[in-house]
Amino acid sequence: MKLRQEDKLTQIGCAAKSGFSERTARTIDRGKHHTQHPPKPRQYKTRASSIDKLWEDEMKQKLEDNPELQPMTLFIDLQRNHVDDQGNPIYDDSCLRTLQRRVREWKAKHGMSKEVMFPQKHYPGDQGLSDFSHMKEIGIMIAGKPLEHMIYHFRLVFSKYSYVKVILSGESFQALSEGLQEALFHIGGAPKEHRTDSLAAAYKNDKDVANEDLTDRYKELCAYYGMNPTRNNKGVSHENGSVESSHGHLKNRIKQELMVRGSKDFKTLSEYEQWLHHVVENSNRRNSKDFKLEQSALRCLPMHKTADYEIKSVKVSSHSMINIKQIKYSVPSRLVGHTLTVHISQKDIIAYLGSSAVFSTERRYANKLSSKYVIDYKHLIHAFIKKPRAFRYCQYKDELLPSDHYQTIWQYLDRTQTPDAACKSILRLLKLSADHNCEEAVAEACLALIEADKTIILEQLETQFNRNNPRLPIQTMSMPSINQYDHLLSHAHTGGNYAYL
């Protein structure tokens, strides 16, 4: 048509230049060619289906009554209700795909309305999100042992800047408080709003109104930093989507980096934490421009962090122990009978007598221990020395021995000495180790004697390792005979009635 109108050519000439027949040119000229009209939808089926009648008579009605019915449910019901004389289903699995297409089409035309997601505008400094994520699927190892842990994940919504922290406990308030405060001081400010899902550490989860459902500690924490605490609706995780969706991306990035590293095993927990922060910081570099913009909109932080630990008062029992979170920790025996103020954080436990710190230890978790006791033999050994028989049947005998080496030494002593002597020997070794800070050296010396099939002589070990106050050498002395004294007196010079030597 363009050639016909612009170049004033005939139909024959236009058809020749366009590469089709004169007849096609006349059809186009009349406006009747099929390319000039949209195709009409087909109103008929190309072939009949065996379930056509059942679809109209039964299945459509069932869908109208229960729009949530799934195709597989309808198909199973179809096979159950329509069987032959032998009890076999009349309709085989070849009908399933047809039924799935019909159900999908019916739901698109007549089904229930679906949930709609609405894109939101985000502004710098408005919102920060917190959540926890399990890391079991990653398979991290520390010194060859699996590390059961989670990560706390903080994320700024506008810039998508992330901060993570390794969590050894569950979703506790201590973990939330430590992670959130570390994140805020790391980014250099606080957003206007802090959002979580229904964390038990932050919400009581027993009321409908979120503002009345805050725990006091979480409310105080947010108020300290000037943040408004909010949460998404219960069970609606996509409302926290800026952090929920990033969990998958973060875990995938960690898996990829581990592949590049070539190993999931780390020497120490500290090494793993540093590596993890390095991975996250590399990911944050892509958002550095938006992060700088958001940093300027964050609220100023206070000079110091608020308490990120739980405070508990405990009395030291006559066993020289304190009970914290279902775990019994030994403490120095001089504290027996005193009431201590204990600060319980995610990693550490620090006990105060008045304002003075008198005891500290690494925090342990009941679900990760085979025993309920955490014993430091240095706290109790001086009491055990006075009551050596108490060792054999002590409830925490295995926990008292500081290592597998000492377990081996105890088994050897118990096998080669009398019951009382074995108890005294192992306790003397522990006391020597505690008094002179030579635990490993004493164990190595004892194991060397055992391997050489030699007797463990405690006096020799005490002389060897007690270098500050070495044992005096043993002197062998013989008593002179009486005749030697008579001989001495007979040759003495005398004066008067007295003898002088």
Protein backbone atom coordinates (compact mmCIF):
# COMPACT_ATOMS: atom_id res chain seq x y z
CA MET A 1 0.00 0.00 0.00
CA LYS A 2 2.90 2.34 0.74
CA LEU A 3 4.33 1.80 -2.74
CA ARG A 4 0.89 2.25 -4.28
CA GLN A 5 0.25 5.53 -2.48
CA GLU A 6 3.72 7.12 -2.66
CA ASP A 7 5.08 5.88 -5.98
CA LYS A 8 1.72 5.77 -7.82
CA LEU A 9 2.39 2.25 -9.06
CA THR A 10 -0.20 -0.21 -10.30
CA GLN A 11 -1.23 -3.29 -8.29
CA ILE A 12 0.90 -5.44 -10.58
CA GLY A 13 3.98 -3.25 -10.05
CA CYS A 14 3.47 -3.00 -6.29
CA ALA A 15 3.03 -6.75 -5.96
CA ALA A 16 6.17 -7.40 -7.98
CA LYS A 17 8.26 -5.02 -5.86
CA SER A 18 6.85 -6.42 -2.59
CA GLY A 19 7.45 -10.03 -3.52
CA PHE A 20 3.92 -11.46 -3.47
CA SER A 21 1.23 -12.22 -6.04
CA GLU A 22 -1.14 -9.82 -7.77
CA ARG A 23 -4.08 -11.62 -6.16
CA THR A 24 -2.72 -10.96 -2.66
CA ALA A 25 -2.23 -7.32 -3.64
CA ARG A 26 -5.91 -7.01 -4.62
CA THR A 27 -6.96 -8.62 -1.30
CA ILE A 28 -4.87 -6.12 0.63
CA ASP A 29 -6.22 -3.27 -1.48
CA ARG A 30 -9.79 -4.26 -0.56
CA GLY A 31 -8.85 -4.49 3.18
CA LYS A 32 -9.78 -8.16 3.43
CA HIS A 33 -6.38 -9.75 4.05
CA HIS A 34 -6.17 -11.79 7.31
CA THR A 35 -3.22 -9.74 8.59
CA GLN A 36 -5.40 -6.62 8.60
CA HIS A 37 -7.83 -8.02 11.19
CA PRO A 38 -7.23 -9.51 14.68
CA PRO A 39 -7.78 -13.28 14.84
CA LYS A 40 -11.13 -14.38 16.21
CA PRO A 41 -10.94 -16.50 19.37
CA ARG A 42 -11.85 -20.15 18.92
CA GLN A 43 -15.23 -20.91 20.51
CA TYR A 44 -15.10 -24.66 20.19
CA LYS A 45 -12.99 -27.55 21.51
CA THR A 46 -10.62 -29.37 19.24
CA ARG A 47 -11.49 -32.67 20.93
CA ALA A 48 -13.78 -33.93 23.66
CA SER A 49 -12.56 -34.91 27.11
CA SER A 50 -13.80 -37.85 29.16
CA ILE A 51 -14.54 -35.55 32.11
CA ASP A 52 -16.56 -32.92 30.17
CA LYS A 53 -19.93 -34.05 31.53
CA LEU A 54 -18.65 -34.58 35.07
CA TRP A 55 -17.07 -31.13 35.04
CA GLU A 56 -20.37 -29.46 34.26
CA ASP A 57 -22.52 -31.71 36.47
CA GLU A 58 -20.37 -32.21 39.59
CA MET A 59 -17.07 -30.44 39.83
CA LYS A 60 -18.10 -26.88 39.06
CA GLN A 61 -20.72 -27.08 41.79
CA LYS A 62 -18.14 -28.34 44.28
CA LEU A 63 -15.83 -25.46 43.41
CA GLU A 64 -18.66 -22.97 43.80
CA ASP A 65 -19.39 -24.38 47.26
CA ASN A 66 -15.69 -24.54 48.27
CA PRO A 67 -13.50 -22.31 46.07
CA GLU A 68 -10.35 -23.39 47.96
CA LEU A 69 -10.58 -26.97 46.65
CA GLN A 70 -7.43 -28.06 44.81
CA PRO A 71 -7.34 -30.07 41.55
CA MET A 72 -5.73 -33.10 43.19
CA THR A 73 -8.48 -33.21 45.83
CA LEU A 74 -11.16 -33.16 43.12
CA PHE A 75 -9.33 -35.83 41.14
CA ILE A 76 -9.01 -38.18 44.12
CA ASP A 77 -12.71 -37.69 44.85
CA LEU A 78 -13.49 -38.41 41.19
CA GLN A 79 -11.59 -41.71 41.22
CA ARG A 80 -13.13 -42.71 44.53
CA ASN A 81 -16.74 -42.15 43.41
CA HIS A 82 -16.51 -43.51 39.86
CA VAL A 83 -15.32 -47.12 39.70
CA ASP A 84 -16.02 -50.12 37.46
CA ASP A 85 -17.43 -53.51 38.47
CA GLN A 86 -14.03 -54.64 39.78
CA GLY A 87 -13.67 -51.51 41.93
CA ASN A 88 -11.00 -49.90 39.75
CA PRO A 89 -11.22 -46.14 38.97
CA ILE A 90 -12.84 -45.40 35.63
CA TYR A 91 -10.78 -42.26 35.11
CA ASP A 92 -7.01 -42.73 35.04
CA ASP A 93 -4.24 -40.19 35.68
CA SER A 94 -4.37 -38.90 32.11
CA CYS A 95 -7.38 -36.79 33.16
CA LEU A 96 -5.46 -34.96 35.90
CA ARG A 97 -3.76 -32.40 33.65
CA THR A 98 -7.09 -31.53 31.98
CA LEU A 99 -8.70 -31.08 35.39
CA GLN A 100 -5.85 -28.84 36.57
CA ARG A 101 -6.28 -26.53 33.57
CA ARG A 102 -10.04 -26.33 34.10
CA VAL A 103 -9.73 -25.54 37.80
CA ARG A 104 -7.08 -22.86 37.16
CA GLU A 105 -9.27 -21.24 34.49
CA TRP A 106 -12.39 -21.40 36.69
CA LYS A 107 -10.58 -19.79 39.64
CA ALA A 108 -9.24 -17.03 37.40
CA LYS A 109 -12.77 -16.20 36.23
CA HIS A 110 -14.93 -17.00 39.25
CA GLY A 111 -12.59 -17.68 42.19
CA MET A 112 -11.86 -15.73 45.35
CA SER A 113 -9.92 -12.47 45.33
CA LYS A 114 -6.23 -12.93 46.06
CA GLU A 115 -3.97 -11.01 48.39
CA VAL A 116 -2.27 -8.06 46.74
CA MET A 117 1.19 -6.73 47.62
CA PHE A 118 1.57 -2.95 47.55
CA PRO A 119 5.01 -1.46 46.84
CA GLN A 120 6.06 1.01 49.53
CA LYS A 121 8.16 4.15 49.47
CA HIS A 122 11.06 4.15 51.91
CA TYR A 123 12.81 7.23 53.21
CA PRO A 124 16.31 7.59 54.71
CA GLY A 125 16.51 7.01 58.44
CA ASP A 126 12.88 5.97 58.82
CA GLN A 127 13.03 2.27 59.60
CA GLY A 128 15.37 -0.48 60.73
CA LEU A 129 14.46 -4.17 60.90
CA SER A 130 15.66 -6.97 63.17
CA ASP A 131 15.27 -10.72 62.82
CA PHE A 132 17.00 -14.00 63.66
CA SER A 133 17.86 -16.81 61.27
CA HIS A 134 19.04 -20.38 61.93
CA MET A 135 22.37 -21.40 60.38
CA LYS A 136 22.22 -25.18 60.82
CA GLU A 137 21.92 -25.78 57.08
CA ILE A 138 25.25 -23.99 56.47
CA GLY A 139 27.21 -26.53 58.55
CA ILE A 140 29.81 -24.27 60.18
CA MET A 141 32.52 -26.09 62.19
CA ILE A 142 34.75 -24.74 64.96
CA ALA A 143 37.93 -26.78 65.48
CA GLY A 144 36.23 -29.77 63.87
CA LYS A 145 33.04 -29.58 65.92
CA PRO A 146 29.64 -28.43 64.56
CA LEU A 147 28.62 -24.97 65.72
CA GLU A 148 24.93 -24.73 66.61
CA HIS A 149 24.09 -21.07 66.25
CA MET A 150 21.86 -18.42 64.77
CA ILE A 151 22.59 -15.00 63.35
CA TYR A 152 20.98 -11.75 64.42
CA HIS A 153 20.35 -9.68 61.31
CA PHE A 154 19.78 -5.89 61.38
CA ARG A 155 18.94 -4.09 58.15
CA LEU A 156 18.23 -0.48 57.23
CA VAL A 157 15.24 -0.47 54.89
CA PHE A 158 16.20 2.47 52.67
CA SER A 159 19.86 1.70 52.00
CA LYS A 160 19.63 -2.09 52.55
CA TYR A 161 22.73 -1.87 54.77
CA SER A 162 23.12 -5.02 56.92
CA TYR A 163 24.81 -5.95 60.18
CA VAL A 164 25.00 -9.49 61.56
CA LYS A 165 26.03 -11.04 64.86
CA VAL A 166 26.60 -14.69 65.78
CA ILE A 167 24.09 -15.85 68.41
CA LEU A 168 24.82 -18.96 70.46
CA SER A 169 21.58 -18.83 72.43
CA GLY A 170 18.02 -18.66 71.12
CA GLU A 171 15.93 -15.58 70.38
CA SER A 172 16.48 -14.12 73.85
CA PHE A 173 16.27 -10.50 74.95
CA GLN A 174 20.02 -10.52 75.66
CA ALA A 175 20.70 -11.58 72.06
CA LEU A 176 18.33 -8.93 70.67
CA SER A 177 19.72 -6.21 72.93
CA GLU A 178 23.37 -7.00 72.24
CA GLY A 179 22.83 -7.36 68.50
CA LEU A 180 20.72 -4.23 68.12
CA GLN A 181 23.04 -2.02 70.15
CA GLU A 182 26.12 -3.28 68.33
CA ALA A 183 24.38 -2.58 65.02
CA LEU A 184 23.36 0.96 66.02
CA PHE A 185 26.86 1.89 67.16
CA HIS A 186 28.31 0.28 64.04
CA ILE A 187 26.17 2.38 61.67
CA GLY A 188 26.55 5.49 63.84
CA GLY A 189 22.90 6.33 64.54
CA ALA A 190 19.38 5.10 65.20
CA PRO A 191 16.37 5.02 62.83
CA LYS A 192 13.03 6.52 63.82
CA GLU A 193 11.30 3.13 63.88
CA HIS A 194 12.51 -0.34 64.84
CA ARG A 195 10.44 -3.22 63.48
CA THR A 196 10.54 -6.93 64.29
CA ASP A 197 8.23 -9.87 63.87
CA SER A 198 6.54 -11.29 66.99
CA LEU A 199 9.78 -12.06 68.83
CA ALA A 200 9.25 -13.51 72.29
CA ALA A 201 12.20 -11.36 73.40
CA ALA A 202 10.25 -8.21 72.53
CA TYR A 203 6.55 -9.11 72.75
CA LYS A 204 4.40 -11.07 75.16
CA ASN A 205 2.28 -12.37 72.24
CA ASP A 206 -0.79 -12.71 74.42
CA LYS A 207 -2.79 -9.65 73.36
CA ASP A 208 -4.22 -8.28 70.16
CA VAL A 209 -2.93 -4.72 70.48
CA ALA A 210 0.81 -4.58 69.80
CA ASN A 211 1.39 -1.35 71.74
CA GLU A 212 0.11 -3.01 74.91
CA ASP A 213 2.03 -6.19 74.21
CA LEU A 214 5.59 -4.88 74.54
CA THR A 215 7.84 -6.33 77.20
CA ASP A 216 9.08 -3.68 79.60
CA ARG A 217 12.74 -4.30 78.79
CA TYR A 218 12.22 -3.98 75.04
CA LYS A 219 10.15 -0.83 75.50
CA GLU A 220 12.92 0.70 77.63
CA LEU A 221 15.58 -0.32 75.11
CA CYS A 222 13.81 1.39 72.20
CA ALA A 223 13.04 4.47 74.31
CA TYR A 224 16.72 4.79 75.26
CA TYR A 225 17.62 5.20 71.58
CA GLY A 226 14.53 7.23 70.67
CA MET A 227 13.07 4.55 68.39
CA ASN A 228 9.40 3.71 67.96
CA PRO A 229 8.95 -0.07 68.36
CA THR A 230 6.61 -1.72 65.83
CA ARG A 231 6.00 -5.21 64.48
CA ASN A 232 4.32 -6.83 61.52
CA ASN A 233 1.01 -8.65 61.87
CA LYS A 234 1.33 -12.11 63.39
CA GLY A 235 2.07 -14.73 60.76
CA VAL A 236 2.50 -12.17 57.96
CA SER A 237 6.24 -12.38 57.40
CA HIS A 238 6.23 -10.46 54.10
CA GLU A 239 5.46 -7.27 56.06
CA ASN A 240 9.00 -7.64 57.39
CA GLY A 241 10.13 -8.53 53.90
CA SER A 242 13.12 -6.20 53.68
CA VAL A 243 14.96 -8.39 56.18
CA GLU A 244 13.12 -11.71 55.68
CA SER A 245 13.93 -11.85 51.96
CA SER A 246 17.53 -10.84 52.56
CA HIS A 247 18.07 -13.91 54.80
CA GLY A 248 18.05 -16.12 51.73
CA HIS A 249 20.40 -13.82 49.81
CA LEU A 250 22.77 -13.61 52.79
CA LYS A 251 22.85 -17.38 53.33
CA ASN A 252 23.48 -17.94 49.64
CA ARG A 253 26.34 -15.44 49.75
CA ILE A 254 27.81 -17.22 52.80
CA LYS A 255 27.58 -20.60 51.03
CA GLN A 256 29.31 -19.20 47.95
CA GLU A 257 32.08 -17.60 50.01
CA LEU A 258 32.62 -20.87 51.88
CA MET A 259 33.04 -22.65 48.54
CA VAL A 260 35.69 -20.12 47.56
CA ARG A 261 37.35 -20.49 50.97
CA GLY A 262 37.42 -24.26 50.52
CA SER A 263 36.42 -25.19 54.06
CA LYS A 264 33.61 -24.67 56.55
CA ASP A 265 35.93 -25.29 59.50
CA PHE A 266 37.35 -22.37 61.52
CA LYS A 267 39.99 -22.53 64.24
CA THR A 268 38.07 -20.34 66.70
CA LEU A 269 34.70 -18.68 67.06
CA SER A 270 36.40 -15.29 66.81
CA GLU A 271 37.89 -16.22 63.43
CA TYR A 272 34.45 -17.22 62.13
CA GLU A 273 32.88 -13.99 63.39
CA GLN A 274 35.56 -11.87 61.68
CA TRP A 275 35.13 -13.79 58.42
CA LEU A 276 31.34 -13.38 58.55
CA HIS A 277 31.60 -9.61 59.12
CA HIS A 278 34.01 -9.39 56.18
CA VAL A 279 31.46 -11.15 53.92
CA VAL A 280 28.66 -8.81 54.99
CA GLU A 281 30.80 -5.68 54.61
CA ASN A 282 31.72 -6.69 51.06
CA SER A 283 28.01 -7.00 50.29
CA ASN A 284 27.31 -3.60 51.88
CA ARG A 285 29.76 -1.84 49.55
CA ARG A 286 27.22 -2.02 46.74
CA ASN A 287 24.88 0.15 48.81
CA SER A 288 27.52 2.60 50.07
CA LYS A 289 26.03 5.62 48.26
CA ASP A 290 22.55 5.11 49.74
CA PHE A 291 24.05 4.27 53.13
CA LYS A 292 25.93 7.59 53.30
CA LEU A 293 22.68 9.37 52.50
CA GLU A 294 20.83 7.42 55.19
CA GLN A 295 23.56 7.92 57.80
CA SER A 296 22.98 11.66 57.69
CA ALA A 297 19.29 11.10 58.50
CA LEU A 298 19.83 8.80 61.51
CA ARG A 299 19.26 10.03 65.04
CA CYS A 300 22.24 10.70 67.28
CA LEU A 301 23.24 7.96 69.72
CA PRO A 302 23.72 8.36 73.48
CA MET A 303 27.27 8.35 74.85
CA HIS A 304 27.06 4.80 76.19
CA LYS A 305 25.13 1.62 75.56
CA THR A 306 22.38 0.63 77.95
CA ALA A 307 22.56 -2.66 79.84
CA ASP A 308 22.49 -5.57 77.40
CA TYR A 309 22.41 -8.23 80.10
CA GLU A 310 19.94 -9.76 82.51
CA ILE A 311 20.42 -9.09 86.22
CA LYS A 312 19.71 -11.84 88.74
CA SER A 313 20.40 -12.25 92.47
CA VAL A 314 21.60 -15.71 93.51
CA LYS A 315 22.86 -17.17 96.77
CA VAL A 316 25.98 -19.33 96.78
CA SER A 317 24.99 -22.76 98.10
CA SER A 318 26.93 -24.86 100.59
CA HIS A 319 28.19 -26.81 97.55
CA SER A 320 29.98 -23.61 96.46
CA MET A 321 27.70 -23.28 93.42
CA ILE A 322 25.21 -20.89 91.88
CA ASN A 323 22.25 -21.99 89.75
CA ILE A 324 21.72 -19.93 86.58
CA LYS A 325 19.34 -20.90 83.77
CA GLN A 326 19.26 -24.60 84.77
CA ILE A 327 23.08 -24.80 84.92
CA LYS A 328 25.10 -25.06 88.14
CA TYR A 329 28.37 -23.13 88.09
CA SER A 330 31.12 -23.59 90.67
CA VAL A 331 32.44 -20.44 92.37
CA PRO A 332 35.32 -19.86 94.82
CA SER A 333 34.43 -21.49 98.14
CA ARG A 334 35.07 -18.26 100.06
CA LEU A 335 31.78 -16.98 98.60
CA VAL A 336 29.64 -19.72 100.19
CA GLY A 337 26.61 -18.17 101.89
CA HIS A 338 26.89 -14.80 100.13
CA THR A 339 24.24 -13.40 97.79
CA LEU A 340 25.71 -12.32 94.46
CA THR A 341 24.35 -9.99 91.80
CA VAL A 342 24.85 -11.78 88.49
CA HIS A 343 24.97 -10.10 85.08
CA ILE A 344 23.94 -12.66 82.44
CA SER A 345 24.85 -11.78 78.86
CA GLN A 346 24.86 -13.92 75.75
CA LYS A 347 28.51 -14.97 76.14
CA ASP A 348 29.52 -14.21 79.72
CA ILE A 349 28.37 -14.43 83.32
CA ILE A 350 29.84 -11.91 85.78
CA ALA A 351 29.02 -12.07 89.50
CA TYR A 352 29.34 -9.08 91.84
CA LEU A 353 29.57 -8.91 95.61
CA GLY A 354 28.42 -5.39 96.23
CA SER A 355 30.14 -3.37 93.51
CA SER A 356 33.14 -5.68 93.15
CA ALA A 357 33.35 -8.37 90.48
CA VAL A 358 34.29 -11.61 92.24
CA PHE A 359 33.63 -14.24 89.58
CA SER A 360 33.29 -14.50 85.81
CA THR A 361 32.96 -17.35 83.35
CA GLU A 362 31.80 -18.20 79.87
CA ARG A 363 28.05 -18.74 79.70
CA ARG A 364 26.90 -22.25 78.85
CA TYR A 365 23.49 -23.43 77.61
CA ALA A 366 21.51 -26.36 78.97
CA ASN A 367 20.42 -27.58 75.53
CA LYS A 368 24.06 -27.87 74.42
CA LEU A 369 25.45 -29.67 77.49
CA SER A 370 25.21 -33.30 78.47
CA SER A 371 25.61 -32.30 82.13
CA LYS A 372 24.01 -29.65 84.31
CA TYR A 373 27.35 -28.82 85.97
CA VAL A 374 30.06 -26.38 84.89
CA ILE A 375 32.96 -26.94 87.28
CA ASP A 376 36.32 -25.23 87.68
CA TYR A 377 38.43 -27.55 89.83
CA LYS A 378 40.48 -24.58 91.08
CA HIS A 379 37.43 -23.37 93.03
CA LEU A 380 37.01 -26.64 94.94
CA ILE A 381 40.31 -28.50 95.07
CA HIS A 382 41.42 -27.11 98.43
CA ALA A 383 38.19 -28.37 99.99
CA PHE A 384 38.50 -31.76 98.28
CA ILE A 385 42.04 -32.23 99.64
CA LYS A 386 40.55 -32.21 103.14
CA LYS A 387 37.87 -34.77 102.17
CA PRO A 388 39.49 -37.01 99.53
CA ARG A 389 36.95 -39.83 99.83
CA ALA A 390 34.23 -37.42 98.64
CA PHE A 391 35.77 -37.46 95.17
CA ARG A 392 34.93 -41.05 94.22
CA TYR A 393 31.15 -40.72 94.40
CA CYS A 394 30.85 -37.00 93.72
CA GLN A 395 27.99 -36.18 91.32
CA TYR A 396 30.25 -34.00 89.19
CA LYS A 397 33.42 -36.10 89.36
CA ASP A 398 33.80 -36.19 85.57
CA GLU A 399 33.22 -32.44 85.27
CA LEU A 400 35.83 -31.77 87.98
CA LEU A 401 38.62 -33.31 85.88
CA PRO A 402 39.71 -30.54 83.51
CA SER A 403 40.53 -32.58 80.39
CA ASP A 404 40.56 -35.99 78.75
CA HIS A 405 44.20 -36.34 79.82
CA TYR A 406 43.18 -36.18 83.47
CA GLN A 407 40.41 -38.69 82.81
CA THR A 408 43.08 -41.07 81.52
CA ILE A 409 45.30 -40.41 84.55
CA TRP A 410 42.40 -41.04 86.94
CA GLN A 411 41.54 -44.33 85.24
CA TYR A 412 45.18 -45.42 85.57
CA LEU A 413 45.38 -44.46 89.26
CA ASP A 414 42.04 -46.11 90.01
CA ARG A 415 43.28 -49.30 88.35
CA THR A 416 46.71 -49.45 90.00
CA GLN A 417 46.08 -48.07 93.51
CA THR A 418 43.70 -48.70 96.37
CA PRO A 419 40.43 -46.69 96.26
CA ASP A 420 41.51 -44.22 98.94
CA ALA A 421 45.03 -43.85 97.58
CA ALA A 422 43.76 -43.24 94.03
CA CYS A 423 41.47 -40.43 95.21
CA LYS A 424 44.28 -38.80 97.19
CA SER A 425 46.69 -39.06 94.26
CA ILE A 426 44.43 -37.46 91.65
CA LEU A 427 43.50 -34.67 94.07
CA ARG A 428 47.15 -33.97 94.87
CA LEU A 429 47.85 -33.70 91.14
CA LEU A 430 44.95 -31.28 90.70
CA LYS A 431 46.12 -29.20 93.67
CA LEU A 432 49.64 -29.08 92.23
CA SER A 433 48.19 -27.91 88.90
CA ALA A 434 46.02 -25.27 90.56
CA ASP A 435 48.68 -23.91 92.91
CA HIS A 436 51.39 -23.54 90.28
CA ASN A 437 49.37 -23.06 87.08
CA CYS A 438 50.90 -26.09 85.39
CA GLU A 439 47.83 -28.12 84.42
CA GLU A 440 49.03 -29.21 80.97
CA ALA A 441 52.62 -29.83 82.06
CA VAL A 442 51.57 -32.08 84.94
CA ALA A 443 49.24 -34.04 82.65
CA GLU A 444 51.97 -34.52 80.03
CA ALA A 445 54.45 -35.70 82.66
CA CYS A 446 51.97 -38.23 84.07
CA LEU A 447 51.02 -39.54 80.64
CA ALA A 448 54.69 -39.98 79.76
CA LEU A 449 55.18 -42.10 82.90
CA ILE A 450 52.08 -44.16 82.09
CA GLU A 451 53.24 -44.80 78.52
CA ALA A 452 56.68 -45.83 79.81
CA ASP A 453 55.00 -48.18 82.30
CA LYS A 454 56.56 -46.34 85.22
CA THR A 455 55.01 -45.53 88.59
CA ILE A 456 53.70 -42.02 89.18
CA ILE A 457 55.64 -40.76 92.21
CA LEU A 458 53.85 -37.67 93.49
CA GLU A 459 56.80 -36.42 95.55
CA GLN A 460 58.97 -36.25 92.44
CA LEU A 461 56.30 -34.35 90.50
CA GLU A 462 55.80 -31.93 93.38
CA THR A 463 59.55 -31.31 93.51
CA GLN A 464 59.63 -30.82 89.74
CA PHE A 465 56.76 -28.35 89.43
CA ASN A 466 56.78 -26.61 92.83
CA ARG A 467 59.57 -24.27 91.80
CA ASN A 468 58.56 -21.38 94.05
CA ASN A 469 58.93 -23.52 97.17
CA PRO A 470 60.85 -26.67 96.21
CA ARG A 471 60.73 -29.64 98.51
CA LEU A 472 63.85 -29.94 100.73
CA PRO A 473 66.11 -32.86 99.79
CA ILE A 474 65.71 -35.99 101.89
CA GLN A 475 68.81 -36.56 104.12
CA THR A 476 69.72 -40.08 105.23
CA MET A 477 71.24 -40.13 108.74
CA SER A 478 72.59 -43.06 110.85
CA MET A 479 72.58 -43.18 114.65
CA PRO A 480 76.04 -43.67 116.29
CA SER A 481 76.52 -46.60 118.72
CA ILE A 482 76.92 -46.14 122.49
CA ASN A 483 80.51 -47.46 122.36
CA GLN A 484 81.48 -44.48 120.24
CA TYR A 485 80.29 -42.16 123.00
CA ASP A 486 82.35 -44.14 125.61
CA HIS A 487 85.41 -43.86 123.41
CA LEU A 488 84.88 -40.13 123.08
CA LEU A 489 84.59 -39.64 126.84
CA SER A 490 87.67 -41.73 127.62
CA HIS A 491 89.90 -39.49 125.52
CA ALA A 492 88.42 -36.21 126.70
CA HIS A 493 90.40 -33.74 128.83
CA THR A 494 88.97 -33.54 132.32
CA GLY A 495 89.07 -30.85 134.87
CA GLY A 496 87.74 -31.47 138.35
CA ASN A 497 84.83 -33.81 138.38
CA TYR A 498 83.56 -32.70 134.91
CA ALA A 499 84.52 -33.77 131.50
CA TYR A 500 85.10 -31.21 128.79
CA LEU A 501 84.87 -31.96 125.11
